Amino acid sequence: MLVVGSKCADIALFKHTYGLTNREAEVLGLIAEQPTLEAVGHTLGISREAVRFHLKSIFLKTNTHRQSELVGLLSRFGKRMQSRC
C-alpha cells in the first residue's frame, strides 16, 4: 500500500486498472515519495533516463502529462479506494 496525502491507494489495483507493468508500478509508487527522478532511479538501481522512459509510458497509459497530474490521479484513485483499506 502507498500513502498519498494521508489516503490509502492500492498500487496493485491502480496497476491493473491502467495496465501498468511491474516496473511502471514501482516507479509510480516512488514518484509520489521521492524528490527527483534521480532519487527514484537510485532507489530502483536504474538510470534517470530509464525512470523517464517508464514515466512517459505511465503518462500514456493514464492519459496524464505531468508528474503532478499523475500524483493527483493516484490520490483521487486512493480516495475512491479508501473504504477498502
C-alpha atoms as a PDB file:
ATOM      1  CA  MET A   1       0.000   0.000   0.000  1.00  0.00           C
ATOM      2  CA  LEU A   2       1.094   3.561  -0.654  1.00  0.00           C
ATOM      3  CA  VAL A   3       0.012   6.558   1.342  1.00  0.00           C
ATOM      4  CA  VAL A   4      -0.608   9.686  -0.730  1.00  0.00           C
ATOM      5  CA  GLY A   5      -1.883  12.710   1.148  1.00  0.00           C
ATOM      6  CA  SER A   6      -2.873  10.508   4.108  1.00  0.00           C
ATOM      7  CA  LYS A   7      -5.044   8.380   1.794  1.00  0.00           C
ATOM      8  CA  CYS A   8      -4.501   4.733   1.084  1.00  0.00           C
ATOM      9  CA  ALA A   9      -4.005   3.798  -2.561  1.00  0.00           C
ATOM     10  CA  ASP A  10      -3.664   0.217  -3.709  1.00  0.00           C
ATOM     11  CA  ILE A  11      -0.903   0.316  -6.312  1.00  0.00           C
ATOM     12  CA  ALA A  12      -1.725  -3.213  -7.438  1.00  0.00           C
ATOM     13  CA  LEU A  13      -5.293  -2.216  -8.278  1.00  0.00           C
ATOM     14  CA  PHE A  14      -4.094   1.011  -9.941  1.00  0.00           C
ATOM     15  CA  LYS A  15      -1.600  -1.111 -11.921  1.00  0.00           C
ATOM     16  CA  HIS A  16      -4.364  -3.470 -13.039  1.00  0.00           C
ATOM     17  CA  THR A  17      -6.787  -0.632 -13.853  1.00  0.00           C
ATOM     18  CA  TYR A  18      -4.296   1.192 -16.086  1.00  0.00           C
ATOM     19  CA  GLY A  19      -2.349  -1.810 -17.408  1.00  0.00           C
ATOM     20  CA  LEU A  20       0.983  -0.848 -15.865  1.00  0.00           C
ATOM     21  CA  THR A  21       3.972  -3.166 -15.863  1.00  0.00           C
ATOM     22  CA  ASN A  22       5.606  -4.196 -12.597  1.00  0.00           C
ATOM     23  CA  ARG A  23       8.418  -1.688 -13.128  1.00  0.00           C
ATOM     24  CA  GLU A  24       5.994   1.107 -14.010  1.00  0.00           C
ATOM     25  CA  ALA A  25       4.108   0.388 -10.775  1.00  0.00           C
ATOM     26  CA  GLU A  26       7.376   0.560  -8.831  1.00  0.00           C
ATOM     27  CA  VAL A  27       8.248   3.889 -10.447  1.00  0.00           C
ATOM     28  CA  LEU A  28       4.750   5.196  -9.753  1.00  0.00           C
ATOM     29  CA  GLY A  29       4.963   4.209  -6.107  1.00  0.00           C
ATOM     30  CA  LEU A  30       8.211   6.122  -5.706  1.00  0.00           C
ATOM     31  CA  ILE A  31       7.287   9.210  -7.767  1.00  0.00           C
ATOM     32  CA  ALA A  32       4.954  10.365  -5.001  1.00  0.00           C
ATOM     33  CA  GLU A  33       7.633   9.835  -2.341  1.00  0.00           C
ATOM     34  CA  GLN A  34      10.982  10.740  -3.918  1.00  0.00           C
ATOM     35  CA  PRO A  35      12.003  14.348  -4.648  1.00  0.00           C
ATOM     36  CA  THR A  36      13.692  13.684  -8.026  1.00  0.00           C
ATOM     37  CA  LEU A  37      13.845  11.197 -10.869  1.00  0.00           C
ATOM     38  CA  GLU A  38      17.473  10.600  -9.900  1.00  0.00           C
ATOM     39  CA  ALA A  39      16.339   9.553  -6.412  1.00  0.00           C
ATOM     40  CA  VAL A  40      13.744   7.189  -7.888  1.00  0.00           C
ATOM     41  CA  GLY A  41      16.405   5.706 -10.173  1.00  0.00           C
ATOM     42  CA  HIS A  42      18.857   5.329  -7.309  1.00  0.00           C
ATOM     43  CA  THR A  43      16.259   3.521  -5.196  1.00  0.00           C
ATOM     44  CA  LEU A  44      15.423   1.137  -8.062  1.00  0.00           C
ATOM     45  CA  GLY A  45      19.006   0.785  -9.291  1.00  0.00           C
ATOM     46  CA  ILE A  46      18.225   2.209 -12.732  1.00  0.00           C
ATOM     47  CA  SER A  47      19.264   5.357 -14.576  1.00  0.00           C
ATOM     48  CA  ARG A  48      17.373   8.641 -14.623  1.00  0.00           C
ATOM     49  CA  GLU A  49      16.723   8.025 -18.336  1.00  0.00           C
ATOM     50  CA  ALA A  50      15.160   4.647 -17.555  1.00  0.00           C
ATOM     51  CA  VAL A  51      12.901   6.314 -14.977  1.00  0.00           C
ATOM     52  CA  ARG A  52      11.897   8.916 -17.598  1.00  0.00           C
ATOM     53  CA  PHE A  53      11.131   6.121 -20.080  1.00  0.00           C
ATOM     54  CA  HIS A  54       8.837   4.371 -17.586  1.00  0.00           C
ATOM     55  CA  LEU A  55       7.251   7.671 -16.561  1.00  0.00           C
ATOM     56  CA  LYS A  56       6.425   8.530 -20.180  1.00  0.00           C
ATOM     57  CA  SER A  57       4.782   5.134 -20.562  1.00  0.00           C
ATOM     58  CA  ILE A  58       2.755   5.708 -17.381  1.00  0.00           C
ATOM     59  CA  PHE A  59       1.663   9.119 -18.731  1.00  0.00           C
ATOM     60  CA  LEU A  60       0.391   7.478 -21.919  1.00  0.00           C
ATOM     61  CA  LYS A  61      -1.481   4.729 -20.099  1.00  0.00           C
ATOM     62  CA  THR A  62      -3.095   7.122 -17.598  1.00  0.00           C
ATOM     63  CA  ASN A  63      -3.692   9.988 -20.044  1.00  0.00           C
ATOM     64  CA  THR A  64      -1.667  12.379 -17.876  1.00  0.00           C
ATOM     65  CA  HIS A  65       1.086  14.762 -18.957  1.00  0.00           C
ATOM     66  CA  ARG A  66       2.919  15.860 -15.803  1.00  0.00           C
ATOM     67  CA  GLN A  67       4.052  14.241 -12.578  1.00  0.00           C
ATOM     68  CA  SER A  68       1.708  16.492 -10.612  1.00  0.00           C
ATOM     69  CA  GLU A  69      -1.252  15.263 -12.702  1.00  0.00           C
ATOM     70  CA  LEU A  70      -0.189  11.664 -12.147  1.00  0.00           C
ATOM     71  CA  VAL A  71       0.149  12.077  -8.388  1.00  0.00           C
ATOM     72  CA  GLY A  72      -3.249  13.813  -8.345  1.00  0.00           C
ATOM     73  CA  LEU A  73      -4.794  10.909 -10.252  1.00  0.00           C
ATOM     74  CA  LEU A  74      -3.259   8.444  -7.814  1.00  0.00           C
ATOM     75  CA  SER A  75      -4.544  10.488  -4.892  1.00  0.00           C
ATOM     76  CA  ARG A  76      -8.084  10.620  -6.312  1.00  0.00           C
ATOM     77  CA  PHE A  77      -7.916   6.895  -7.009  1.00  0.00           C
ATOM     78  CA  GLY A  78      -6.841   6.352  -3.403  1.00  0.00           C
ATOM     79  CA  LYS A  79      -9.774   8.383  -2.105  1.00  0.00           C
ATOM     80  CA  ARG A  80     -12.167   6.124  -4.006  1.00  0.00           C
ATOM     81  CA  MET A  81     -10.442   3.068  -2.557  1.00  0.00           C
ATOM     82  CA  GLN A  82     -10.098   4.431   0.986  1.00  0.00           C
ATOM     83  CA  SER A  83     -13.004   2.434   2.339  1.00  0.00           C
ATOM     84  CA  ARG A  84     -11.291  -0.791   1.250  1.00  0.00           C
ATOM     85  CA  CYS A  85      -8.065  -0.199   3.212  1.00  0.00           C
END
